[in-house]
Amino acid sequence: MRRLRGILGVALRAAALVAAGSLIAFLALPPLALVLRIAPASLLSRFTDPVVLEALRLSLVTSVGATLLVVVLGLPLAYGLASRRVRGQSWIEALVDLPMVLPPTVAGAGLLFAFGRAGLLGGALGGLGLSIPFTTLAVVLAQTFVAAPFFVSTVVAGLREVEPRYVELAATLRASPATTFLKVMLPLSLPSIVAGAVMAWARALGEFGATITFAGNLPGVTRTLPLAVYTALQSDLEAAVTLAVLLLVVSFVVLLGLRWSPVGTLGRARAPRRAV
C-alpha cells in the first residue's frame, strides 16, 4: 500500500511538472517567435525609422500623461477606499476594477458615446469649442481609463498594509488627517504607489482596443506603438516585428524590474522607527 502511494505521489508530481512546464513553454513561445523573427542587426537599424520613432514619441507622451492623470486622480480615491470610509464602497471598487475585465473595444465605444459629439457630454464640450474624439487627448483618456485600476488597486493594497498603530500614534499627537496621510501613510506606502504608477504606465503604453475605437489611427496624432504594429502588419512586416519587439522588451523589463526592485514588495515597506 505504501509503495502504491509512493508511485502515485511520484506520478502526480511528474504530471504537475509537465503541466507547469507546458504552460511556461506556451507563454514563452510567442515572445520567442517575435525575437527570432528578425535578425538583430536589421532590428537595430529599423529602430531609426521615422514610423518607429513617431509612434514611440507619441506613445511615451500619451502614456506618461495618462499615468500622471491616474496618479493625481487615483491617489485620493485609493486613500478613501483603503480607509473604508466611502459609502457604497463595494460598488465603487467594482466600478474601478471594471476596465480590467471590460473588452477594450467596449471601453472605446463607451468613451465615444460619453465624449463624442452625440455623446452624453458632447453638447457641453461642443459649447466650449472642444472636440475630443480622434485627437491625442482621446488617446490619453483611453489610456487613463484602462490603466486606472492597476494603480488604484495596488495603492489600496499598500495603504491597507500600513500598521494601524502608526496611524493611531499620529492621532494621539493630534495630527490632522492630511498630516497623517502625508507624513505617515504616504511614506510607508510609497513602494506601492511607485509600483502602481509603473504598472499603470505599462498598461497605458500597450493600450490598443479602446484607443483605436475612441481615438482612431491617425499618423502622428493617435497612432501609438500598438496601433503602429497593427498598421505595419498589413504592409511592412519587418517594421511590425520591430515595433512589437520594442513593446515586448519594455513590458518585460518593467515587470522584471518591479520584481527585482524594492517596489516589487507592493507596499510592504519597512516601518520607520519614528512614525511622526
C-alpha atoms as a PDB file:
ATOM      1  CA  MET A   1       0.000   0.000   0.000  1.00  0.00           C
ATOM      2  CA  ARG A   2       2.819   2.385   0.886  1.00  0.00           C
ATOM      3  CA  ARG A   3       4.580   1.512  -2.339  1.00  0.00           C
ATOM      4  CA  LEU A   4       1.412   2.238  -4.306  1.00  0.00           C
ATOM      5  CA  ARG A   5       1.053   5.628  -2.562  1.00  0.00           C
ATOM      6  CA  GLY A   6       4.683   6.408  -3.332  1.00  0.00           C
ATOM      7  CA  ILE A   7       4.234   5.582  -7.019  1.00  0.00           C
ATOM      8  CA  LEU A   8       1.045   7.631  -7.125  1.00  0.00           C
ATOM      9  CA  GLY A   9       2.807  10.605  -5.489  1.00  0.00           C
ATOM     10  CA  VAL A  10       5.662  10.450  -7.980  1.00  0.00           C
ATOM     11  CA  ALA A  11       3.180  10.261 -10.861  1.00  0.00           C
ATOM     12  CA  LEU A  12       1.252  13.269  -9.581  1.00  0.00           C
ATOM     13  CA  ARG A  13       4.445  15.304  -9.154  1.00  0.00           C
ATOM     14  CA  ALA A  14       5.569  14.357 -12.648  1.00  0.00           C
ATOM     15  CA  ALA A  15       2.178  15.340 -14.085  1.00  0.00           C
ATOM     16  CA  ALA A  16       2.289  18.658 -12.228  1.00  0.00           C
ATOM     17  CA  LEU A  17       5.778  19.379 -13.585  1.00  0.00           C
ATOM     18  CA  VAL A  18       4.681  18.538 -17.127  1.00  0.00           C
ATOM     19  CA  ALA A  19       1.614  20.771 -16.801  1.00  0.00           C
ATOM     20  CA  ALA A  20       3.629  23.672 -15.363  1.00  0.00           C
ATOM     21  CA  GLY A  21       6.363  23.266 -17.970  1.00  0.00           C
ATOM     22  CA  SER A  22       3.795  23.163 -20.770  1.00  0.00           C
ATOM     23  CA  LEU A  23       2.230  26.427 -19.636  1.00  0.00           C
ATOM     24  CA  ILE A  24       5.641  28.111 -19.304  1.00  0.00           C
ATOM     25  CA  ALA A  25       6.571  26.939 -22.804  1.00  0.00           C
ATOM     26  CA  PHE A  26       3.239  28.156 -24.170  1.00  0.00           C
ATOM     27  CA  LEU A  27       3.710  31.595 -22.615  1.00  0.00           C
ATOM     28  CA  ALA A  28       7.349  31.849 -23.747  1.00  0.00           C
ATOM     29  CA  LEU A  29       6.791  30.710 -27.332  1.00  0.00           C
ATOM     30  CA  PRO A  30       5.105  33.846 -28.794  1.00  0.00           C
ATOM     31  CA  PRO A  31       7.715  36.300 -27.398  1.00  0.00           C
ATOM     32  CA  LEU A  32      10.499  33.995 -28.569  1.00  0.00           C
ATOM     33  CA  ALA A  33       8.939  33.774 -32.023  1.00  0.00           C
ATOM     34  CA  LEU A  34       8.916  37.575 -32.252  1.00  0.00           C
ATOM     35  CA  VAL A  35      12.534  37.924 -31.165  1.00  0.00           C
ATOM     36  CA  LEU A  36      13.745  35.245 -33.594  1.00  0.00           C
ATOM     37  CA  ARG A  37      11.700  36.591 -36.492  1.00  0.00           C
ATOM     38  CA  ILE A  38      14.170  39.323 -37.421  1.00  0.00           C
ATOM     39  CA  ALA A  39      17.985  39.479 -37.332  1.00  0.00           C
ATOM     40  CA  PRO A  40      19.431  41.631 -34.518  1.00  0.00           C
ATOM     41  CA  ALA A  41      21.311  43.880 -36.949  1.00  0.00           C
ATOM     42  CA  SER A  42      18.190  44.512 -39.002  1.00  0.00           C
ATOM     43  CA  LEU A  43      16.182  45.056 -35.825  1.00  0.00           C
ATOM     44  CA  LEU A  44      18.541  47.748 -34.567  1.00  0.00           C
ATOM     45  CA  SER A  45      18.623  49.507 -37.923  1.00  0.00           C
ATOM     46  CA  ARG A  46      14.815  49.666 -38.070  1.00  0.00           C
ATOM     47  CA  PHE A  47      14.648  51.452 -34.701  1.00  0.00           C
ATOM     48  CA  THR A  48      15.672  54.663 -36.506  1.00  0.00           C
ATOM     49  CA  ASP A  49      12.800  54.505 -38.989  1.00  0.00           C
ATOM     50  CA  PRO A  50      10.580  57.624 -38.887  1.00  0.00           C
ATOM     51  CA  VAL A  51       7.496  55.401 -38.414  1.00  0.00           C
ATOM     52  CA  VAL A  52       9.006  53.753 -35.354  1.00  0.00           C
ATOM     53  CA  LEU A  53      10.298  56.993 -33.844  1.00  0.00           C
ATOM     54  CA  GLU A  54       6.999  58.807 -34.400  1.00  0.00           C
ATOM     55  CA  ALA A  55       4.963  56.040 -32.791  1.00  0.00           C
ATOM     56  CA  LEU A  56       7.445  55.781 -29.929  1.00  0.00           C
ATOM     57  CA  ARG A  57       7.342  59.523 -29.262  1.00  0.00           C
ATOM     58  CA  LEU A  58       3.552  59.637 -29.263  1.00  0.00           C
ATOM     59  CA  SER A  59       3.312  56.557 -27.048  1.00  0.00           C
ATOM     60  CA  LEU A  60       5.720  57.985 -24.482  1.00  0.00           C
ATOM     61  CA  VAL A  61       3.968  61.365 -24.382  1.00  0.00           C
ATOM     62  CA  THR A  62       0.452  59.955 -24.049  1.00  0.00           C
ATOM     63  CA  SER A  63       1.314  57.128 -21.632  1.00  0.00           C
ATOM     64  CA  VAL A  64       3.214  59.471 -19.307  1.00  0.00           C
ATOM     65  CA  GLY A  65       0.335  61.961 -19.443  1.00  0.00           C
ATOM     66  CA  ALA A  66      -2.172  59.219 -18.676  1.00  0.00           C
ATOM     67  CA  THR A  67      -0.049  57.969 -15.781  1.00  0.00           C
ATOM     68  CA  LEU A  68       0.187  61.420 -14.244  1.00  0.00           C
ATOM     69  CA  LEU A  69      -3.590  61.800 -14.556  1.00  0.00           C
ATOM     70  CA  VAL A  70      -4.144  58.407 -12.957  1.00  0.00           C
ATOM     71  CA  VAL A  71      -1.845  59.219 -10.029  1.00  0.00           C
ATOM     72  CA  VAL A  72      -3.351  62.652  -9.367  1.00  0.00           C
ATOM     73  CA  LEU A  73      -6.938  61.413  -9.515  1.00  0.00           C
ATOM     74  CA  GLY A  74      -6.382  57.892  -8.220  1.00  0.00           C
ATOM     75  CA  LEU A  75      -4.402  58.585  -5.048  1.00  0.00           C
ATOM     76  CA  PRO A  76      -7.260  60.328  -3.175  1.00  0.00           C
ATOM     77  CA  LEU A  77      -9.663  57.594  -4.279  1.00  0.00           C
ATOM     78  CA  ALA A  78      -7.267  54.857  -3.145  1.00  0.00           C
ATOM     79  CA  TYR A  79      -6.874  56.550   0.232  1.00  0.00           C
ATOM     80  CA  GLY A  80     -10.644  56.743   0.666  1.00  0.00           C
ATOM     81  CA  LEU A  81     -11.105  53.090  -0.278  1.00  0.00           C
ATOM     82  CA  ALA A  82      -8.249  51.961   1.962  1.00  0.00           C
ATOM     83  CA  SER A  83      -9.694  53.808   4.957  1.00  0.00           C
ATOM     84  CA  ARG A  84     -13.049  52.076   4.377  1.00  0.00           C
ATOM     85  CA  ARG A  85     -14.938  55.325   4.886  1.00  0.00           C
ATOM     86  CA  VAL A  86     -16.552  55.501   1.449  1.00  0.00           C
ATOM     87  CA  ARG A  87     -20.279  54.869   1.184  1.00  0.00           C
ATOM     88  CA  GLY A  88     -21.153  52.224  -1.374  1.00  0.00           C
ATOM     89  CA  GLN A  89     -17.555  51.010  -1.318  1.00  0.00           C
ATOM     90  CA  SER A  90     -18.265  47.634  -2.942  1.00  0.00           C
ATOM     91  CA  TRP A  91     -19.949  49.359  -5.869  1.00  0.00           C
ATOM     92  CA  ILE A  92     -17.083  51.810  -6.268  1.00  0.00           C
ATOM     93  CA  GLU A  93     -14.448  49.060  -6.115  1.00  0.00           C
ATOM     94  CA  ALA A  94     -16.328  47.052  -8.740  1.00  0.00           C
ATOM     95  CA  LEU A  95     -16.563  50.151 -10.947  1.00  0.00           C
ATOM     96  CA  VAL A  96     -12.833  50.843 -10.552  1.00  0.00           C
ATOM     97  CA  ASP A  97     -11.941  47.257 -11.491  1.00  0.00           C
ATOM     98  CA  LEU A  98     -14.401  47.116 -14.401  1.00  0.00           C
ATOM     99  CA  PRO A  99     -11.931  48.299 -17.092  1.00  0.00           C
ATOM    100  CA  MET A 100      -9.705  45.287 -16.330  1.00  0.00           C
ATOM    101  CA  VAL A 101     -12.403  42.827 -17.462  1.00  0.00           C
ATOM    102  CA  LEU A 102     -14.221  45.019 -19.976  1.00  0.00           C
ATOM    103  CA  PRO A 103     -13.364  44.314 -23.638  1.00  0.00           C
ATOM    104  CA  PRO A 104     -11.192  47.217 -24.851  1.00  0.00           C
ATOM    105  CA  THR A 105     -13.442  47.900 -27.843  1.00  0.00           C
ATOM    106  CA  VAL A 106     -16.416  48.196 -25.496  1.00  0.00           C
ATOM    107  CA  ALA A 107     -14.416  50.661 -23.389  1.00  0.00           C
ATOM    108  CA  GLY A 108     -13.614  52.669 -26.508  1.00  0.00           C
ATOM    109  CA  ALA A 109     -17.242  52.681 -27.590  1.00  0.00           C
ATOM    110  CA  GLY A 110     -18.284  53.842 -24.128  1.00  0.00           C
ATOM    111  CA  LEU A 111     -15.774  56.685 -24.251  1.00  0.00           C
ATOM    112  CA  LEU A 112     -17.021  57.648 -27.694  1.00  0.00           C
ATOM    113  CA  PHE A 113     -20.651  57.724 -26.567  1.00  0.00           C
ATOM    114  CA  ALA A 114     -19.659  59.722 -23.490  1.00  0.00           C
ATOM    115  CA  PHE A 115     -17.350  62.327 -25.040  1.00  0.00           C
ATOM    116  CA  GLY A 116     -18.296  62.217 -28.728  1.00  0.00           C
ATOM    117  CA  ARG A 117     -20.304  64.925 -30.460  1.00  0.00           C
ATOM    118  CA  ALA A 118     -23.525  62.973 -29.922  1.00  0.00           C
ATOM    119  CA  GLY A 119     -22.438  61.646 -26.532  1.00  0.00           C
ATOM    120  CA  LEU A 120     -23.578  62.455 -23.025  1.00  0.00           C
ATOM    121  CA  LEU A 121     -21.086  65.302 -22.664  1.00  0.00           C
ATOM    122  CA  GLY A 122     -20.774  66.068 -26.366  1.00  0.00           C
ATOM    123  CA  GLY A 123     -23.117  69.059 -26.284  1.00  0.00           C
ATOM    124  CA  ALA A 124     -21.406  70.671 -23.304  1.00  0.00           C
ATOM    125  CA  LEU A 125     -17.945  70.080 -24.778  1.00  0.00           C
ATOM    126  CA  GLY A 126     -19.082  71.398 -28.146  1.00  0.00           C
ATOM    127  CA  GLY A 127     -20.336  74.576 -26.485  1.00  0.00           C
ATOM    128  CA  LEU A 128     -16.827  75.095 -25.137  1.00  0.00           C
ATOM    129  CA  GLY A 129     -15.350  74.513 -28.573  1.00  0.00           C
ATOM    130  CA  LEU A 130     -13.855  71.140 -27.612  1.00  0.00           C
ATOM    131  CA  SER A 131     -13.864  68.014 -29.743  1.00  0.00           C
ATOM    132  CA  ILE A 132     -12.113  65.103 -28.048  1.00  0.00           C
ATOM    133  CA  PRO A 133     -12.562  62.012 -30.278  1.00  0.00           C
ATOM    134  CA  PHE A 134      -9.785  61.285 -32.772  1.00  0.00           C
ATOM    135  CA  THR A 135      -7.315  63.589 -31.044  1.00  0.00           C
ATOM    136  CA  THR A 136      -4.221  62.997 -28.929  1.00  0.00           C
ATOM    137  CA  LEU A 137      -6.281  63.864 -25.854  1.00  0.00           C
ATOM    138  CA  ALA A 138      -8.592  60.978 -26.732  1.00  0.00           C
ATOM    139  CA  VAL A 139      -5.575  58.654 -26.601  1.00  0.00           C
ATOM    140  CA  VAL A 140      -4.699  59.926 -23.117  1.00  0.00           C
ATOM    141  CA  LEU A 141      -8.280  59.442 -21.900  1.00  0.00           C
ATOM    142  CA  ALA A 142      -8.456  55.918 -23.330  1.00  0.00           C
ATOM    143  CA  GLN A 143      -5.157  55.002 -21.694  1.00  0.00           C
ATOM    144  CA  THR A 144      -6.267  56.551 -18.408  1.00  0.00           C
ATOM    145  CA  PHE A 145      -9.495  54.534 -18.450  1.00  0.00           C
ATOM    146  CA  VAL A 146      -7.770  51.177 -18.866  1.00  0.00           C
ATOM    147  CA  ALA A 147      -4.755  51.937 -16.633  1.00  0.00           C
ATOM    148  CA  ALA A 148      -6.519  53.421 -13.600  1.00  0.00           C
ATOM    149  CA  PRO A 149      -7.488  50.075 -11.986  1.00  0.00           C
ATOM    150  CA  PHE A 150      -3.874  48.920 -11.904  1.00  0.00           C
ATOM    151  CA  PHE A 151      -2.816  51.972  -9.918  1.00  0.00           C
ATOM    152  CA  VAL A 152      -5.796  52.227  -7.582  1.00  0.00           C
ATOM    153  CA  SER A 153      -5.874  48.519  -6.675  1.00  0.00           C
ATOM    154  CA  THR A 154      -2.143  48.410  -5.998  1.00  0.00           C
ATOM    155  CA  VAL A 155      -2.166  51.550  -3.844  1.00  0.00           C
ATOM    156  CA  VAL A 156      -5.229  50.410  -1.885  1.00  0.00           C
ATOM    157  CA  ALA A 157      -3.433  47.164  -1.057  1.00  0.00           C
ATOM    158  CA  GLY A 158      -0.339  49.085   0.038  1.00  0.00           C
ATOM    159  CA  LEU A 159      -2.254  51.552   2.204  1.00  0.00           C
ATOM    160  CA  ARG A 160      -4.134  48.748   3.934  1.00  0.00           C
ATOM    161  CA  GLU A 161      -0.830  47.129   4.895  1.00  0.00           C
ATOM    162  CA  VAL A 162       0.255  50.168   6.900  1.00  0.00           C
ATOM    163  CA  GLU A 163       0.319  49.226  10.570  1.00  0.00           C
ATOM    164  CA  PRO A 164      -2.698  50.806  12.326  1.00  0.00           C
ATOM    165  CA  ARG A 165      -0.601  51.684  15.367  1.00  0.00           C
ATOM    166  CA  TYR A 166       1.284  54.333  13.412  1.00  0.00           C
ATOM    167  CA  VAL A 167      -1.970  55.987  12.388  1.00  0.00           C
ATOM    168  CA  GLU A 168      -3.196  55.753  15.989  1.00  0.00           C
ATOM    169  CA  LEU A 169       0.037  57.307  17.221  1.00  0.00           C
ATOM    170  CA  ALA A 170      -0.419  60.201  14.828  1.00  0.00           C
ATOM    171  CA  ALA A 171      -3.957  60.661  16.135  1.00  0.00           C
ATOM    172  CA  THR A 172      -2.747  60.779  19.739  1.00  0.00           C
ATOM    173  CA  LEU A 173      -0.356  63.542  18.688  1.00  0.00           C
ATOM    174  CA  ARG A 174      -3.363  65.419  17.288  1.00  0.00           C
ATOM    175  CA  ALA A 175      -2.175  65.220  13.722  1.00  0.00           C
ATOM    176  CA  SER A 176      -4.795  66.159  11.153  1.00  0.00           C
ATOM    177  CA  PRO A 177      -5.931  63.548   8.600  1.00  0.00           C
ATOM    178  CA  ALA A 178      -3.939  65.367   5.920  1.00  0.00           C
ATOM    179  CA  THR A 179      -0.790  65.358   8.077  1.00  0.00           C
ATOM    180  CA  THR A 180      -1.292  61.687   8.930  1.00  0.00           C
ATOM    181  CA  PHE A 181      -1.556  60.828   5.275  1.00  0.00           C
ATOM    182  CA  LEU A 182       1.414  62.918   4.130  1.00  0.00           C
ATOM    183  CA  LYS A 183       3.812  62.051   6.966  1.00  0.00           C
ATOM    184  CA  VAL A 184       2.761  58.521   7.894  1.00  0.00           C
ATOM    185  CA  MET A 185       0.748  56.658   5.280  1.00  0.00           C
ATOM    186  CA  LEU A 186       2.339  58.151   2.184  1.00  0.00           C
ATOM    187  CA  PRO A 187       5.969  57.299   3.109  1.00  0.00           C
ATOM    188  CA  LEU A 188       5.026  53.801   4.282  1.00  0.00           C
ATOM    189  CA  SER A 189       3.037  53.036   1.133  1.00  0.00           C
ATOM    190  CA  LEU A 190       5.428  54.738  -1.301  1.00  0.00           C
ATOM    191  CA  PRO A 191       6.646  51.431  -2.817  1.00  0.00           C
ATOM    192  CA  SER A 192       3.045  50.549  -3.667  1.00  0.00           C
ATOM    193  CA  ILE A 193       2.448  53.964  -5.204  1.00  0.00           C
ATOM    194  CA  VAL A 194       5.554  53.654  -7.376  1.00  0.00           C
ATOM    195  CA  ALA A 195       4.669  50.080  -8.354  1.00  0.00           C
ATOM    196  CA  GLY A 196       1.103  51.069  -9.183  1.00  0.00           C
ATOM    197  CA  ALA A 197       2.272  54.009 -11.277  1.00  0.00           C
ATOM    198  CA  VAL A 198       4.722  51.825 -13.207  1.00  0.00           C
ATOM    199  CA  MET A 199       2.075  49.175 -13.847  1.00  0.00           C
ATOM    200  CA  ALA A 200      -0.399  51.845 -14.964  1.00  0.00           C
ATOM    201  CA  TRP A 201       2.219  53.312 -17.317  1.00  0.00           C
ATOM    202  CA  ALA A 202       2.986  49.902 -18.818  1.00  0.00           C
ATOM    203  CA  ARG A 203      -0.725  49.224 -19.330  1.00  0.00           C
ATOM    204  CA  ALA A 204      -1.217  52.648 -20.929  1.00  0.00           C
ATOM    205  CA  LEU A 205       1.756  52.069 -23.219  1.00  0.00           C
ATOM    206  CA  GLY A 206       0.253  48.826 -24.518  1.00  0.00           C
ATOM    207  CA  GLU A 207      -3.339  50.020 -24.920  1.00  0.00           C
ATOM    208  CA  PHE A 208      -4.875  49.262 -28.320  1.00  0.00           C
ATOM    209  CA  GLY A 209      -8.598  48.473 -28.469  1.00  0.00           C
ATOM    210  CA  ALA A 210     -10.041  51.480 -26.640  1.00  0.00           C
ATOM    211  CA  THR A 211      -7.605  53.787 -28.425  1.00  0.00           C
ATOM    212  CA  ILE A 212      -8.421  52.727 -31.967  1.00  0.00           C
ATOM    213  CA  THR A 213     -12.166  52.854 -31.235  1.00  0.00           C
ATOM    214  CA  PHE A 214     -12.193  56.234 -29.491  1.00  0.00           C
ATOM    215  CA  ALA A 215      -9.164  57.993 -30.985  1.00  0.00           C
ATOM    216  CA  GLY A 216      -8.720  56.349 -34.360  1.00  0.00           C
ATOM    217  CA  ASN A 217      -5.437  55.529 -36.064  1.00  0.00           C
ATOM    218  CA  LEU A 218      -4.078  58.844 -37.350  1.00  0.00           C
ATOM    219  CA  PRO A 219      -0.303  59.047 -38.006  1.00  0.00           C
ATOM    220  CA  GLY A 220       1.408  61.471 -35.649  1.00  0.00           C
ATOM    221  CA  VAL A 221      -1.831  62.176 -33.796  1.00  0.00           C
ATOM    222  CA  THR A 222      -3.250  58.932 -32.381  1.00  0.00           C
ATOM    223  CA  ARG A 223      -1.100  56.135 -33.863  1.00  0.00           C
ATOM    224  CA  THR A 224       0.724  54.814 -30.808  1.00  0.00           C
ATOM    225  CA  LEU A 225       3.068  51.822 -30.821  1.00  0.00           C
ATOM    226  CA  PRO A 226       0.339  49.124 -30.616  1.00  0.00           C
ATOM    227  CA  LEU A 227      -1.611  50.781 -33.427  1.00  0.00           C
ATOM    228  CA  ALA A 228       1.581  51.141 -35.462  1.00  0.00           C
ATOM    229  CA  VAL A 229       2.163  47.385 -35.081  1.00  0.00           C
ATOM    230  CA  TYR A 230      -1.364  46.696 -36.346  1.00  0.00           C
ATOM    231  CA  THR A 231      -0.882  49.037 -39.317  1.00  0.00           C
ATOM    232  CA  ALA A 232       2.582  47.764 -40.209  1.00  0.00           C
ATOM    233  CA  LEU A 233       1.397  44.140 -40.231  1.00  0.00           C
ATOM    234  CA  GLN A 234      -0.596  44.990 -43.352  1.00  0.00           C
ATOM    235  CA  SER A 235       2.286  46.436 -45.357  1.00  0.00           C
ATOM    236  CA  ASP A 236       5.715  46.187 -43.670  1.00  0.00           C
ATOM    237  CA  LEU A 237       6.302  43.004 -41.691  1.00  0.00           C
ATOM    238  CA  GLU A 238       9.804  43.978 -40.542  1.00  0.00           C
ATOM    239  CA  ALA A 239       8.551  47.278 -39.144  1.00  0.00           C
ATOM    240  CA  ALA A 240       5.717  45.462 -37.376  1.00  0.00           C
ATOM    241  CA  VAL A 241       8.148  42.993 -35.787  1.00  0.00           C
ATOM    242  CA  THR A 242      10.469  45.834 -34.760  1.00  0.00           C
ATOM    243  CA  LEU A 243       7.646  47.701 -33.035  1.00  0.00           C
ATOM    244  CA  ALA A 244       6.353  44.515 -31.426  1.00  0.00           C
ATOM    245  CA  VAL A 245       9.791  43.595 -30.078  1.00  0.00           C
ATOM    246  CA  LEU A 246      10.200  47.119 -28.717  1.00  0.00           C
ATOM    247  CA  LEU A 247       6.918  46.834 -26.800  1.00  0.00           C
ATOM    248  CA  LEU A 248       7.825  43.327 -25.681  1.00  0.00           C
ATOM    249  CA  VAL A 249      11.204  44.404 -24.292  1.00  0.00           C
ATOM    250  CA  VAL A 250       9.767  47.440 -22.493  1.00  0.00           C
ATOM    251  CA  SER A 251       6.965  45.405 -20.907  1.00  0.00           C
ATOM    252  CA  PHE A 252       9.282  42.593 -19.831  1.00  0.00           C
ATOM    253  CA  VAL A 253      11.868  44.966 -18.374  1.00  0.00           C
ATOM    254  CA  VAL A 254       9.162  46.810 -16.416  1.00  0.00           C
ATOM    255  CA  LEU A 255       7.759  43.595 -14.926  1.00  0.00           C
ATOM    256  CA  LEU A 256      11.195  42.181 -14.169  1.00  0.00           C
ATOM    257  CA  GLY A 257      12.329  45.454 -12.637  1.00  0.00           C
ATOM    258  CA  LEU A 258       9.303  45.547 -10.337  1.00  0.00           C
ATOM    259  CA  ARG A 259      10.123  42.086  -9.041  1.00  0.00           C
ATOM    260  CA  TRP A 260      13.810  42.780  -8.509  1.00  0.00           C
ATOM    261  CA  SER A 261      13.469  46.238  -7.004  1.00  0.00           C
ATOM    262  CA  PRO A 262      12.143  47.245  -3.558  1.00  0.00           C
ATOM    263  CA  VAL A 263       8.883  48.473  -5.110  1.00  0.00           C
ATOM    264  CA  GLY A 264       8.138  44.887  -6.048  1.00  0.00           C
ATOM    265  CA  THR A 265       7.034  44.338  -2.478  1.00  0.00           C
ATOM    266  CA  LEU A 266       3.878  46.317  -3.375  1.00  0.00           C
ATOM    267  CA  GLY A 267       3.669  48.340  -0.261  1.00  0.00           C
ATOM    268  CA  ARG A 268       5.434  46.090   2.213  1.00  0.00           C
ATOM    269  CA  ALA A 269       7.760  48.847   3.238  1.00  0.00           C
ATOM    270  CA  ARG A 270       9.704  48.698   6.437  1.00  0.00           C
ATOM    271  CA  ALA A 271       8.144  50.712   9.200  1.00  0.00           C
ATOM    272  CA  PRO A 272      10.346  53.610  10.298  1.00  0.00           C
ATOM    273  CA  ARG A 273      11.468  53.938  13.887  1.00  0.00           C
ATOM    274  CA  ARG A 274       9.510  57.141  14.252  1.00  0.00           C
ATOM    275  CA  ALA A 275       6.132  57.353  12.544  1.00  0.00           C
ATOM    276  CA  VAL A 276       5.650  61.064  13.235  1.00  0.00           C
END
